[in-house]
C-alpha atoms as a PDB file:
ATOM      1  CA  MET A   1       0.000   0.000   0.000  1.00  0.00           C
ATOM      2  CA  ARG A   2       2.778   2.443   0.828  1.00  0.00           C
ATOM      3  CA  ILE A   3       4.422   1.721  -2.531  1.00  0.00           C
ATOM      4  CA  HIS A   4       1.390   3.256  -4.289  1.00  0.00           C
ATOM      5  CA  ALA A   5       1.214   6.230  -1.873  1.00  0.00           C
ATOM      6  CA  ARG A   6       4.751   7.391  -2.619  1.00  0.00           C
ATOM      7  CA  PRO A   7       4.353   7.788  -6.397  1.00  0.00           C
ATOM      8  CA  THR A   8       1.046   9.605  -5.794  1.00  0.00           C
ATOM      9  CA  THR A   9       2.683  12.058  -3.383  1.00  0.00           C
ATOM     10  CA  VAL A  10       5.649  12.625  -5.696  1.00  0.00           C
ATOM     11  CA  GLY A  11       3.311  13.059  -8.681  1.00  0.00           C
ATOM     12  CA  LEU A  12       1.141  15.599  -6.876  1.00  0.00           C
ATOM     13  CA  LEU A  13       4.150  17.550  -5.636  1.00  0.00           C
ATOM     14  CA  THR A  14       5.625  17.543  -9.160  1.00  0.00           C
ATOM     15  CA  ALA A  15       2.314  18.817 -10.559  1.00  0.00           C
ATOM     16  CA  ALA A  16       2.215  21.589  -7.943  1.00  0.00           C
ATOM     17  CA  LEU A  17       5.769  22.698  -8.715  1.00  0.00           C
ATOM     18  CA  THR A  18       5.109  22.574 -12.475  1.00  0.00           C
ATOM     19  CA  THR A  19       2.004  24.739 -12.005  1.00  0.00           C
ATOM     20  CA  LEU A  20       3.998  27.267  -9.992  1.00  0.00           C
ATOM     21  CA  ALA A  21       6.745  27.380 -12.651  1.00  0.00           C
ATOM     22  CA  LEU A  22       4.202  27.914 -15.433  1.00  0.00           C
ATOM     23  CA  LEU A  23       2.566  30.752 -13.514  1.00  0.00           C
ATOM     24  CA  LEU A  24       5.864  32.513 -12.971  1.00  0.00           C
ATOM     25  CA  VAL A  25       7.023  32.253 -16.613  1.00  0.00           C
ATOM     26  CA  PRO A  26       4.623  34.956 -17.940  1.00  0.00           C
ATOM     27  CA  ALA A  27       6.174  37.456 -15.504  1.00  0.00           C
ATOM     28  CA  THR A  28       9.601  37.133 -17.155  1.00  0.00           C
ATOM     29  CA  PRO A  29       8.916  39.059 -20.428  1.00  0.00           C
ATOM     30  CA  ALA A  30       7.869  42.127 -18.433  1.00  0.00           C
ATOM     31  CA  ALA A  31      11.492  42.604 -17.414  1.00  0.00           C
ATOM     32  CA  ALA A  32      12.376  42.964 -21.105  1.00  0.00           C
ATOM     33  CA  HIS A  33      10.425  46.221 -21.440  1.00  0.00           C
ATOM     34  CA  ASN A  34      12.589  49.290 -21.834  1.00  0.00           C
ATOM     35  CA  THR A  35      12.659  51.830 -19.004  1.00  0.00           C
ATOM     36  CA  LEU A  36      13.848  55.418 -18.772  1.00  0.00           C
ATOM     37  CA  THR A  37      16.745  55.489 -16.295  1.00  0.00           C
ATOM     38  CA  SER A  38      17.852  59.136 -16.426  1.00  0.00           C
ATOM     39  CA  ALA A  39      17.244  62.382 -18.269  1.00  0.00           C
ATOM     40  CA  THR A  40      18.854  65.776 -18.815  1.00  0.00           C
ATOM     41  CA  PRO A  41      17.124  67.982 -17.785  1.00  0.00           C
ATOM     42  CA  ALA A  42      15.920  65.733 -14.990  1.00  0.00           C
ATOM     43  CA  ARG A  43      12.313  65.214 -14.010  1.00  0.00           C
ATOM     44  CA  GLU A  44      10.914  68.231 -12.098  1.00  0.00           C
ATOM     45  CA  ALA A  45      14.251  70.051 -12.474  1.00  0.00           C
ATOM     46  CA  ARG A  46      14.164  73.850 -12.018  1.00  0.00           C
ATOM     47  CA  LEU A  47      16.589  75.404 -14.478  1.00  0.00           C
ATOM     48  CA  THR A  48      17.951  78.947 -14.313  1.00  0.00           C
ATOM     49  CA  GLU A  49      18.850  78.712 -18.018  1.00  0.00           C
ATOM     50  CA  PRO A  50      16.853  77.036 -20.797  1.00  0.00           C
ATOM     51  CA  PRO A  51      18.394  73.774 -22.070  1.00  0.00           C
ATOM     52  CA  ALA A  52      19.909  73.558 -25.553  1.00  0.00           C
ATOM     53  CA  ARG A  53      19.209  69.833 -25.799  1.00  0.00           C
ATOM     54  CA  ILE A  54      17.284  67.038 -24.091  1.00  0.00           C
ATOM     55  CA  THR A  55      18.878  63.621 -23.532  1.00  0.00           C
ATOM     56  CA  LEU A  56      17.018  60.519 -22.361  1.00  0.00           C
ATOM     57  CA  ARG A  57      18.835  57.353 -21.301  1.00  0.00           C
ATOM     58  CA  PHE A  58      17.132  53.952 -21.217  1.00  0.00           C
ATOM     59  CA  MET A  59      17.979  50.476 -19.935  1.00  0.00           C
ATOM     60  CA  GLN A  60      18.203  49.018 -23.451  1.00  0.00           C
ATOM     61  CA  LYS A  61      19.529  50.139 -26.822  1.00  0.00           C
ATOM     62  CA  LEU A  62      17.171  52.282 -28.848  1.00  0.00           C
ATOM     63  CA  ASN A  63      16.092  51.724 -32.414  1.00  0.00           C
ATOM     64  CA  PRO A  64      16.439  55.089 -34.215  1.00  0.00           C
ATOM     65  CA  ALA A  65      13.508  54.247 -36.496  1.00  0.00           C
ATOM     66  CA  PHE A  66      11.189  53.821 -33.510  1.00  0.00           C
ATOM     67  CA  THR A  67      12.388  56.570 -31.141  1.00  0.00           C
ATOM     68  CA  THR A  68      10.274  59.686 -30.669  1.00  0.00           C
ATOM     69  CA  ILE A  69      11.011  62.577 -28.268  1.00  0.00           C
ATOM     70  CA  VAL A  70       8.631  65.552 -28.181  1.00  0.00           C
ATOM     71  CA  LEU A  71       8.894  68.763 -26.144  1.00  0.00           C
ATOM     72  CA  SER A  72       5.826  70.903 -25.404  1.00  0.00           C
ATOM     73  CA  ASP A  73       5.167  73.980 -23.267  1.00  0.00           C
ATOM     74  CA  ALA A  74       2.536  74.585 -20.575  1.00  0.00           C
ATOM     75  CA  THR A  75      -0.102  75.375 -23.221  1.00  0.00           C
ATOM     76  CA  ALA A  76       0.553  71.995 -24.933  1.00  0.00           C
ATOM     77  CA  ARG A  77       2.195  73.756 -27.891  1.00  0.00           C
ATOM     78  CA  LYS A  78       4.868  71.588 -29.497  1.00  0.00           C
ATOM     79  CA  VAL A  79       8.309  73.181 -29.238  1.00  0.00           C
ATOM     80  CA  THR A  80      10.493  72.925 -32.340  1.00  0.00           C
ATOM     81  CA  THR A  81      13.284  70.376 -31.858  1.00  0.00           C
ATOM     82  CA  GLY A  82      15.647  68.421 -34.066  1.00  0.00           C
ATOM     83  CA  GLU A  83      15.137  64.766 -34.934  1.00  0.00           C
ATOM     84  CA  PRO A  84      16.196  62.315 -32.187  1.00  0.00           C
ATOM     85  CA  ALA A  85      19.889  61.399 -32.446  1.00  0.00           C
ATOM     86  CA  VAL A  86      20.252  57.883 -31.061  1.00  0.00           C
ATOM     87  CA  SER A  87      23.490  56.490 -29.640  1.00  0.00           C
ATOM     88  CA  GLY A  88      23.161  53.142 -27.882  1.00  0.00           C
ATOM     89  CA  THR A  89      20.753  53.570 -24.976  1.00  0.00           C
ATOM     90  CA  ALA A  90      20.548  57.376 -25.295  1.00  0.00           C
ATOM     91  CA  GLY A  91      18.323  59.568 -27.426  1.00  0.00           C
ATOM     92  CA  THR A  92      18.982  63.324 -27.781  1.00  0.00           C
ATOM     93  CA  VAL A  93      17.045  66.159 -29.393  1.00  0.00           C
ATOM     94  CA  THR A  94      18.285  69.727 -29.822  1.00  0.00           C
ATOM     95  CA  VAL A  95      15.936  72.553 -28.808  1.00  0.00           C
ATOM     96  CA  ASP A  96      15.657  74.806 -31.853  1.00  0.00           C
ATOM     97  CA  GLU A  97      13.919  77.748 -30.187  1.00  0.00           C
ATOM     98  CA  SER A  98      14.599  79.787 -27.078  1.00  0.00           C
ATOM     99  CA  LEU A  99      12.549  78.580 -24.111  1.00  0.00           C
ATOM    100  CA  ALA A 100      10.848  81.227 -22.007  1.00  0.00           C
ATOM    101  CA  ASN A 101      10.108  80.754 -18.315  1.00  0.00           C
ATOM    102  CA  GLY A 102       7.519  78.107 -17.602  1.00  0.00           C
ATOM    103  CA  THR A 103       6.808  74.400 -17.319  1.00  0.00           C
ATOM    104  CA  TYR A 104       7.751  72.046 -20.162  1.00  0.00           C
ATOM    105  CA  THR A 105       6.840  68.428 -20.807  1.00  0.00           C
ATOM    106  CA  VAL A 106       9.108  65.852 -22.438  1.00  0.00           C
ATOM    107  CA  ALA A 107       7.166  62.960 -23.986  1.00  0.00           C
ATOM    108  CA  TYR A 108       8.830  59.888 -25.444  1.00  0.00           C
ATOM    109  CA  ARG A 109       7.925  56.690 -27.250  1.00  0.00           C
ATOM    110  CA  VAL A 110      10.425  53.862 -27.817  1.00  0.00           C
ATOM    111  CA  VAL A 111      10.218  50.184 -28.706  1.00  0.00           C
ATOM    112  CA  SER A 112      11.493  47.570 -26.256  1.00  0.00           C
ATOM    113  CA  ALA A 113      13.767  44.675 -27.204  1.00  0.00           C
ATOM    114  CA  ASP A 114      10.701  42.401 -26.979  1.00  0.00           C
ATOM    115  CA  GLY A 115       8.946  44.537 -29.586  1.00  0.00           C
ATOM    116  CA  HIS A 116       6.507  46.300 -27.261  1.00  0.00           C
ATOM    117  CA  PRO A 117       6.156  50.087 -27.476  1.00  0.00           C
ATOM    118  CA  VAL A 118       6.805  51.993 -24.257  1.00  0.00           C
ATOM    119  CA  GLN A 119       5.859  55.613 -23.782  1.00  0.00           C
ATOM    120  CA  GLY A 120       5.911  58.129 -20.957  1.00  0.00           C
ATOM    121  CA  SER A 121       6.507  61.753 -20.072  1.00  0.00           C
ATOM    122  CA  TYR A 122       7.906  64.033 -17.392  1.00  0.00           C
ATOM    123  CA  ARG A 123       8.125  67.778 -16.680  1.00  0.00           C
ATOM    124  CA  PHE A 124      10.860  70.285 -15.991  1.00  0.00           C
ATOM    125  CA  HIS A 125      10.735  74.020 -15.258  1.00  0.00           C
ATOM    126  CA  VAL A 126      12.641  77.002 -16.639  1.00  0.00           C
ATOM    127  CA  ALA A 127      13.013  79.907 -14.217  1.00  0.00           C
ATOM    128  CA  ASP A 128      15.507  82.193 -15.946  1.00  0.00           C
ATOM    129  CA  PRO A 129      15.265  85.583 -14.170  1.00  0.00           C
ATOM    130  CA  THR A 130      16.059  87.380 -17.445  1.00  0.00           C
ATOM    131  CA  ALA A 131      13.470  85.569 -19.596  1.00  0.00           C
ATOM    132  CA  ASP A 132       9.774  86.122 -20.290  1.00  0.00           C
ATOM    133  CA  VAL A 133       7.072  83.835 -18.974  1.00  0.00           C
ATOM    134  CA  ALA A 134       5.572  81.236 -21.323  1.00  0.00           C
ATOM    135  CA  GLY A 135       2.273  79.537 -20.482  1.00  0.00           C
ATOM    136  CA  THR A 136       2.261  79.632 -16.682  1.00  0.00           C
ATOM    137  CA  PRO A 137       4.232  81.945 -14.366  1.00  0.00           C
ATOM    138  CA  ALA A 138       7.493  80.531 -13.089  1.00  0.00           C
ATOM    139  CA  ALA A 139       6.410  81.466  -9.547  1.00  0.00           C
ATOM    140  CA  SER A 140       3.647  78.861  -9.744  1.00  0.00           C
ATOM    141  CA  THR A 141       6.029  76.038 -10.596  1.00  0.00           C
ATOM    142  CA  PRO A 142       7.103  73.803  -7.699  1.00  0.00           C
ATOM    143  CA  THR A 143      10.651  73.888  -6.399  1.00  0.00           C
ATOM    144  CA  ALA A 144      12.476  70.751  -7.474  1.00  0.00           C
ATOM    145  CA  GLU A 145      15.879  69.128  -7.356  1.00  0.00           C
ATOM    146  CA  PRO A 146      18.780  70.561  -9.399  1.00  0.00           C
ATOM    147  CA  SER A 147      18.997  69.481 -13.034  1.00  0.00           C
ATOM    148  CA  THR A 148      21.931  67.182 -12.307  1.00  0.00           C
ATOM    149  CA  THR A 149      19.746  64.730 -10.390  1.00  0.00           C
ATOM    150  CA  PRO A 150      18.778  61.571 -12.292  1.00  0.00           C
ATOM    151  CA  ALA A 151      15.251  61.382 -13.612  1.00  0.00           C
ATOM    152  CA  GLY A 152      14.655  58.038 -11.956  1.00  0.00           C
ATOM    153  CA  PRO A 153      12.231  55.516 -13.390  1.00  0.00           C
ATOM    154  CA  VAL A 154       9.398  57.413 -15.016  1.00  0.00           C
ATOM    155  CA  THR A 155       5.921  56.010 -14.613  1.00  0.00           C
ATOM    156  CA  ALA A 156       5.189  55.143 -18.197  1.00  0.00           C
ATOM    157  CA  SER A 157       1.970  54.301 -19.872  1.00  0.00           C
ATOM    158  CA  SER A 158       2.463  51.688 -22.556  1.00  0.00           C
ATOM    159  CA  GLU A 159       0.397  49.533 -24.816  1.00  0.00           C
ATOM    160  CA  HIS A 160       1.601  46.525 -22.863  1.00  0.00           C
ATOM    161  CA  PRO A 161       2.071  47.612 -19.234  1.00  0.00           C
ATOM    162  CA  GLY A 162       3.263  44.204 -18.031  1.00  0.00           C
ATOM    163  CA  GLY A 163       5.897  45.491 -15.587  1.00  0.00           C
ATOM    164  CA  ALA A 164       3.316  46.666 -13.048  1.00  0.00           C
ATOM    165  CA  ASN A 165       1.662  43.205 -12.986  1.00  0.00           C
ATOM    166  CA  VAL A 166       4.757  41.208 -12.042  1.00  0.00           C
ATOM    167  CA  PRO A 167       4.103  41.299  -8.237  1.00  0.00           C
ATOM    168  CA  VAL A 168       0.466  40.339  -8.801  1.00  0.00           C
ATOM    169  CA  LEU A 169       1.422  37.377 -11.008  1.00  0.00           C
ATOM    170  CA  VAL A 170       4.088  36.178  -8.592  1.00  0.00           C
ATOM    171  CA  GLY A 171       1.758  36.518  -5.589  1.00  0.00           C
ATOM    172  CA  GLY A 172      -1.056  34.743  -7.416  1.00  0.00           C
ATOM    173  CA  GLY A 173       1.265  31.920  -8.427  1.00  0.00           C
ATOM    174  CA  ILE A 174       2.451  31.437  -4.855  1.00  0.00           C
ATOM    175  CA  LEU A 175      -1.113  31.409  -3.533  1.00  0.00           C
ATOM    176  CA  LEU A 176      -2.205  28.895  -6.184  1.00  0.00           C
ATOM    177  CA  ALA A 177       0.760  26.619  -5.476  1.00  0.00           C
ATOM    178  CA  ALA A 178       0.027  26.802  -1.735  1.00  0.00           C
ATOM    179  CA  GLY A 179      -3.588  25.849  -2.454  1.00  0.00           C
ATOM    180  CA  VAL A 180      -2.511  22.861  -4.585  1.00  0.00           C
ATOM    181  CA  LEU A 181      -0.112  21.703  -1.875  1.00  0.00           C
ATOM    182  CA  ALA A 182      -2.791  22.051   0.811  1.00  0.00           C
ATOM    183  CA  GLY A 183      -5.221  20.069  -1.344  1.00  0.00           C
ATOM    184  CA  THR A 184      -2.562  17.377  -1.818  1.00  0.00           C
ATOM    185  CA  VAL A 185      -2.070  17.026   1.940  1.00  0.00           C
ATOM    186  CA  VAL A 186      -5.836  16.773   2.565  1.00  0.00           C
ATOM    187  CA  LEU A 187      -6.234  14.171  -0.237  1.00  0.00           C
ATOM    188  CA  LEU A 188      -3.381  12.037   1.112  1.00  0.00           C
ATOM    189  CA  ARG A 189      -4.786  12.151   4.652  1.00  0.00           C
ATOM    190  CA  ARG A 190      -8.223  11.052   3.440  1.00  0.00           C
ATOM    191  CA  ARG A 191      -6.726   8.154   1.470  1.00  0.00           C
ATOM    192  CA  ARG A 192      -4.702   6.998   4.441  1.00  0.00           C
ATOM    193  CA  ALA A 193      -7.692   7.351   6.781  1.00  0.00           C
ATOM    194  CA  GLY A 194      -9.793   5.240   4.375  1.00  0.00           C
ATOM    195  CA  ARG A 195      -7.353   2.372   4.550  1.00  0.00           C
END
């Protein structure tokens, strides 16, 4: 009788571990999505001089054909910039017009190594005491870190936002595996009690 119980226990434990592994596999591609790691000017930076260029650095190499960087002012007017110049993981655009005081938004769209588009945006502020105000007064913009601080990971909206679901998938997989293991223990106890 015990000879049959052992293969059943091993089989059920193998099934539980296989289920857990299969649940954790879908979380792996999310790590392949590209992420903004730093920017110049940095997110929420308060500049005393308008920038001549904007550089974004990502975790993975960029494809020049699928890299877009757009600058707009507080009124959502697109600021004239050059085409993105891509070098490895960095994309740079030159600012072709003089920026007045105000809040500006940098929006980007790149394609990850897994083929999924990733997009996001962040703001910075120009507070040049000798410049005019554009859009909103510089006094209304919040005080932020100097422009040399890294942008940090930007919360990005993407067409495939898998990165935010990784903890949920991992937690769900662990709970499901625990449930399968608990069911296995109950089943084995009932079989042994019936004998």
